[in-house]
């Protein structure tokens, strides 16, 4: 929807041959709307801005839990794709990538509105349900689980094993991308994103776009606490939800 809106509202722009849009995820294997594939979205943005795009079409995004014994082979297959190696040299997100444009997903039950989103299909491919996720995570950012604090050792171990099944970026990759933007203005790292004040452009870093709901508000605040966000674009509903969560609770008066 975001890419479609940009395509419809953007005026013609000069061709930006130095700009490349890169998908960060391959595809789930259980169908769904192919138009929301990361590779299709990257190609759509490239078309709008006259840029180039890479593709991870046909590359698995996750190792299903049922196939964990073949994890190494499935990962090797994904890493064999030239564009995968371009985006993740040495198995990590390329530090030359200066902007990640993404959103967040929260665990949803099949009866809830919005069930069947791209993130949800990733989870179905992997082999877990919304309740499993909700007990251990706030949700995901770009398909990467955001753990809840205070998990017991068993739950933390399960989540760490789950993270090894996902093929693509990690929270550490996103944190490093955000840190590069935060420090690009100098040692203090206190310049606003996009400008250093001396005419030199700063990298955008982690740009998060999301719309309303209390679960998303909780997740986004946790992403901010973890240093995963440089620029946040939200609607009024989500802004209000976030502000409500940030308000200190009034003191209790005993009568």
Protein backbone atom coordinates (compact mmCIF):
# COMPACT_ATOMS: atom_id res chain seq x y z
CA UNK A 1 0.00 0.00 0.00
CA UNK A 2 2.84 2.41 0.87
CA UNK A 3 4.66 1.77 -2.40
CA UNK A 4 1.42 2.09 -4.35
CA UNK A 5 0.73 5.44 -2.66
CA UNK A 6 4.23 6.71 -3.45
CA UNK A 7 3.84 5.61 -7.06
CA UNK A 8 0.49 7.43 -7.41
CA UNK A 9 1.47 10.64 -5.62
CA UNK A 10 5.09 11.15 -6.64
CA UNK A 11 5.77 13.66 -9.41
CA UNK A 12 8.21 12.62 -12.15
CA UNK A 13 11.76 12.63 -10.79
CA UNK A 14 15.14 12.60 -12.53
CA UNK A 15 16.67 9.17 -12.92
CA UNK A 16 18.70 8.34 -9.79
CA UNK A 17 21.25 5.94 -11.20
CA UNK A 18 23.30 5.88 -7.99
CA UNK A 19 20.31 4.68 -5.94
CA UNK A 20 19.58 0.97 -5.50
CA UNK A 21 16.61 -0.59 -3.67
CA UNK A 22 17.40 -3.90 -1.98
CA UNK A 23 14.91 -6.39 -0.52
CA UNK A 24 15.88 -7.73 2.90
CA UNK A 25 13.77 -10.89 2.80
CA UNK A 26 13.18 -13.75 0.45
CA UNK A 27 9.74 -15.29 0.12
CA UNK A 28 7.60 -17.57 2.31
CA UNK A 29 6.59 -20.83 0.68
CA UNK A 30 2.87 -20.83 1.47
CA UNK A 31 1.54 -18.49 -1.19
CA UNK A 32 -0.15 -15.19 -0.49
CA UNK A 33 -0.22 -11.94 -2.41
CA UNK A 34 3.03 -11.88 -4.39
CA UNK A 35 2.61 -8.11 -4.89
CA UNK A 36 3.72 -7.59 -1.27
CA UNK A 37 6.95 -9.55 -1.71
CA UNK A 38 10.01 -7.58 -0.59
CA UNK A 39 11.50 -8.01 -4.06
CA UNK A 40 8.36 -6.72 -5.78
CA UNK A 41 8.22 -3.71 -3.44
CA UNK A 42 11.88 -2.92 -4.10
CA UNK A 43 11.25 -3.10 -7.84
CA UNK A 44 8.22 -0.78 -7.46
CA UNK A 45 10.23 1.85 -5.62
CA UNK A 46 13.03 1.58 -8.18
CA UNK A 47 10.49 2.24 -10.92
CA UNK A 48 9.18 5.37 -9.17
CA UNK A 49 12.62 6.87 -8.62
CA UNK A 50 14.30 5.70 -11.79
CA UNK A 51 16.72 3.58 -9.80
CA UNK A 52 17.90 -0.01 -9.90
CA UNK A 53 16.74 -2.90 -7.71
CA UNK A 54 18.00 -6.27 -6.56
CA UNK A 55 15.77 -9.32 -6.14
CA UNK A 56 15.52 -12.21 -3.70
CA UNK A 57 12.60 -13.81 -5.54
CA UNK A 58 12.74 -17.57 -5.15
CA UNK A 59 15.05 -17.29 -2.14
CA UNK A 60 13.64 -18.85 1.06
CA UNK A 61 13.07 -16.40 3.89
CA UNK A 62 12.99 -18.94 6.67
CA UNK A 63 13.88 -22.54 7.43
CA UNK A 64 10.66 -24.32 8.49
CA UNK A 65 11.05 -25.91 11.92
CA UNK A 66 10.15 -29.27 10.42
CA UNK A 67 13.27 -29.02 8.22
CA UNK A 68 15.74 -27.87 10.87
CA UNK A 69 17.96 -30.88 10.29
CA UNK A 70 18.50 -29.47 6.78
CA UNK A 71 19.07 -25.89 7.96
CA UNK A 72 22.65 -25.71 6.65
CA UNK A 73 21.63 -26.88 3.17
CA UNK A 74 18.68 -24.47 2.95
CA UNK A 75 20.86 -21.56 4.09
CA UNK A 76 23.54 -22.53 1.58
CA UNK A 77 20.90 -22.52 -1.17
CA UNK A 78 19.77 -18.99 -0.18
CA UNK A 79 23.34 -17.71 0.07
CA UNK A 80 24.09 -19.06 -3.41
CA UNK A 81 21.92 -16.30 -4.93
CA UNK A 82 24.17 -13.45 -6.22
CA UNK A 83 21.87 -10.70 -4.90
CA UNK A 84 21.75 -12.36 -1.47
CA UNK A 85 25.55 -12.27 -1.29
CA UNK A 86 25.44 -8.64 -2.44
CA UNK A 87 23.03 -7.64 0.34
CA UNK A 88 24.53 -9.89 3.03
CA UNK A 89 28.27 -10.21 2.35
CA UNK A 90 29.88 -12.46 4.96
CA UNK A 91 26.37 -13.27 6.22
CA UNK A 92 25.70 -9.78 7.65
CA UNK A 93 23.78 -6.80 6.29
CA UNK A 94 26.16 -4.79 4.09
CA UNK A 95 27.37 -1.76 6.13
CA UNK A 96 27.24 0.31 2.94
CA UNK A 97 23.41 0.16 3.13
CA UNK A 98 22.51 3.56 4.54
CA UNK A 99 18.72 3.28 4.86
CA UNK A 100 16.28 0.55 5.87
CA UNK A 101 12.65 1.46 5.15
CA UNK A 102 10.40 -0.94 7.00
CA UNK A 103 7.47 -1.50 9.34
CA UNK A 104 6.46 -3.75 12.23
CA UNK A 105 4.15 -6.72 12.64
CA UNK A 106 2.34 -7.94 15.74
CA UNK A 107 1.05 -11.47 16.50
CA UNK A 108 -2.53 -11.89 15.30
CA UNK A 109 -5.04 -14.69 15.67
CA UNK A 110 -6.75 -16.06 12.56
CA UNK A 111 -10.04 -14.39 13.52
CA UNK A 112 -8.49 -10.93 13.92
CA UNK A 113 -8.55 -8.21 11.23
CA UNK A 114 -5.34 -8.11 9.22
CA UNK A 115 -4.54 -11.79 9.63
CA UNK A 116 -2.72 -13.07 6.57
CA UNK A 117 -0.25 -10.21 6.26
CA UNK A 118 3.17 -10.93 4.81
CA UNK A 119 4.82 -11.20 8.23
CA UNK A 120 2.10 -13.58 9.37
CA UNK A 121 2.73 -15.84 6.39
CA UNK A 122 6.41 -15.94 7.29
CA UNK A 123 5.43 -17.21 10.72
CA UNK A 124 3.09 -19.80 9.23
CA UNK A 125 5.88 -21.03 6.97
CA UNK A 126 8.20 -21.32 9.93
CA UNK A 127 5.62 -23.23 11.96
CA UNK A 128 4.41 -21.19 14.91
CA UNK A 129 1.16 -19.53 15.91
CA UNK A 130 0.23 -16.12 17.25
CA UNK A 131 -0.01 -17.32 20.86
CA UNK A 132 3.56 -18.74 20.76
CA UNK A 133 4.80 -15.41 19.42
CA UNK A 134 2.80 -13.23 21.81
CA UNK A 135 4.18 -15.05 24.86
CA UNK A 136 7.78 -14.46 23.79
CA UNK A 137 7.86 -11.36 21.60
CA UNK A 138 6.26 -7.98 21.05
CA UNK A 139 6.20 -8.83 17.33
CA UNK A 140 8.73 -8.23 14.60
CA UNK A 141 10.54 -5.47 12.74
CA UNK A 142 11.16 -6.40 9.10
CA UNK A 143 10.50 -10.02 10.07
CA UNK A 144 13.01 -10.06 12.95
CA UNK A 145 11.55 -11.02 16.33
CA UNK A 146 11.67 -8.36 19.08
CA UNK A 147 11.87 -10.36 22.34
CA UNK A 148 10.03 -9.41 25.49
CA UNK A 149 12.34 -8.63 28.41
CA UNK A 150 12.54 -11.03 31.35
CA UNK A 151 12.01 -14.27 29.44
CA UNK A 152 12.93 -17.41 31.36
CA UNK A 153 15.90 -19.41 30.09
CA UNK A 154 13.75 -21.96 28.23
CA UNK A 155 11.76 -19.30 26.34
CA UNK A 156 14.91 -17.30 25.58
CA UNK A 157 16.58 -20.44 24.20
CA UNK A 158 13.56 -21.25 22.02
CA UNK A 159 13.58 -17.74 20.60
CA UNK A 160 17.31 -17.83 19.93
CA UNK A 161 16.86 -21.11 18.05
CA UNK A 162 13.99 -19.56 16.09
CA UNK A 163 16.21 -16.63 15.09
CA UNK A 164 18.73 -19.06 13.60
CA UNK A 165 15.99 -20.34 11.27
CA UNK A 166 15.32 -16.92 9.75
CA UNK A 167 17.42 -16.07 6.70
CA UNK A 168 18.25 -12.39 6.39
CA UNK A 169 18.96 -9.44 8.71
CA UNK A 170 19.21 -9.56 12.51
CA UNK A 171 18.48 -7.10 15.30
CA UNK A 172 22.24 -6.53 15.51
CA UNK A 173 22.27 -5.52 11.81
CA UNK A 174 19.48 -3.00 12.40
CA UNK A 175 21.10 -1.64 15.55
CA UNK A 176 24.37 -1.08 13.68
CA UNK A 177 22.57 0.63 10.79
CA UNK A 178 20.81 2.97 13.23
CA UNK A 179 24.07 3.67 15.07
CA UNK A 180 25.86 4.61 11.84
CA UNK A 181 23.18 7.23 11.17
CA UNK A 182 23.17 8.49 14.75
CA UNK A 183 26.93 9.07 14.72
CA UNK A 184 27.27 10.36 11.14
CA UNK A 185 26.98 13.96 12.32
CA UNK A 186 30.07 13.67 14.47
CA UNK A 187 31.13 12.24 17.82
CA UNK A 188 28.16 13.74 19.65
CA UNK A 189 25.67 12.05 17.34
CA UNK A 190 23.04 14.70 18.13
CA UNK A 191 22.38 16.12 14.66
CA UNK A 192 18.92 15.54 13.17
CA UNK A 193 18.66 12.78 10.60
CA UNK A 194 19.16 13.98 7.04
CA UNK A 195 21.46 16.91 7.74
CA UNK A 196 24.70 17.54 9.61
CA UNK A 197 24.25 21.30 9.44
CA UNK A 198 27.34 21.68 7.24
CA UNK A 199 25.75 20.86 3.89
CA UNK A 200 26.76 17.20 4.04
CA UNK A 201 23.89 14.73 3.84
CA UNK A 202 23.53 12.13 6.58
CA UNK A 203 22.34 8.58 5.96
CA UNK A 204 18.66 8.09 6.93
CA UNK A 205 19.39 4.89 8.84
CA UNK A 206 16.39 2.97 10.20
CA UNK A 207 13.11 4.52 8.97
CA UNK A 208 10.02 2.94 10.51
CA UNK A 209 6.52 3.56 9.10
CA UNK A 210 3.47 2.25 10.96
CA UNK A 211 -0.21 2.86 11.67
CA UNK A 212 -2.29 2.56 14.82
CA UNK A 213 -2.98 0.04 17.52
CA UNK A 214 -1.84 -0.44 21.14
CA UNK A 215 0.17 -3.58 20.35
CA UNK A 216 2.11 -1.75 17.67
CA UNK A 217 2.69 1.15 20.06
CA UNK A 218 4.24 -1.23 22.59
CA UNK A 219 6.39 -2.85 19.91
CA UNK A 220 7.64 0.44 18.47
CA UNK A 221 8.57 1.82 21.88
CA UNK A 222 10.55 -1.34 22.52
CA UNK A 223 12.31 -0.92 19.16
CA UNK A 224 13.23 2.63 20.19
CA UNK A 225 14.57 1.38 23.54
CA UNK A 226 16.74 -1.14 21.68
CA UNK A 227 18.22 1.54 19.41
CA UNK A 228 16.55 0.27 16.23
CA UNK A 229 14.89 3.48 15.00
CA UNK A 230 16.25 6.77 13.63
CA UNK A 231 13.09 8.17 12.03
CA UNK A 232 9.54 7.24 12.95
CA UNK A 233 6.50 7.98 10.76
CA UNK A 234 3.15 7.16 12.41
CA UNK A 235 -0.51 8.16 12.17
CA UNK A 236 -2.40 10.12 14.83
CA UNK A 237 -3.91 7.00 16.41
CA UNK A 238 -0.53 5.35 16.92
CA UNK A 239 0.99 8.62 18.18
CA UNK A 240 -1.75 8.85 20.81
CA UNK A 241 -1.25 5.21 21.84
CA UNK A 242 2.49 5.74 22.23
CA UNK A 243 2.06 8.92 24.25
CA UNK A 244 -0.42 7.15 26.54
CA UNK A 245 2.10 4.39 27.23
CA UNK A 246 4.78 6.96 27.99
CA UNK A 247 2.64 8.82 30.55
CA UNK A 248 3.55 7.93 34.14
CA UNK A 249 0.75 6.31 36.08
CA UNK A 250 -0.88 8.65 38.61
CA UNK A 251 0.04 7.92 42.23
CA UNK A 252 -2.40 5.78 44.19
CA UNK A 253 -4.12 7.56 47.05
CA UNK A 254 -4.99 5.43 50.06
CA UNK A 255 -8.07 6.56 51.96
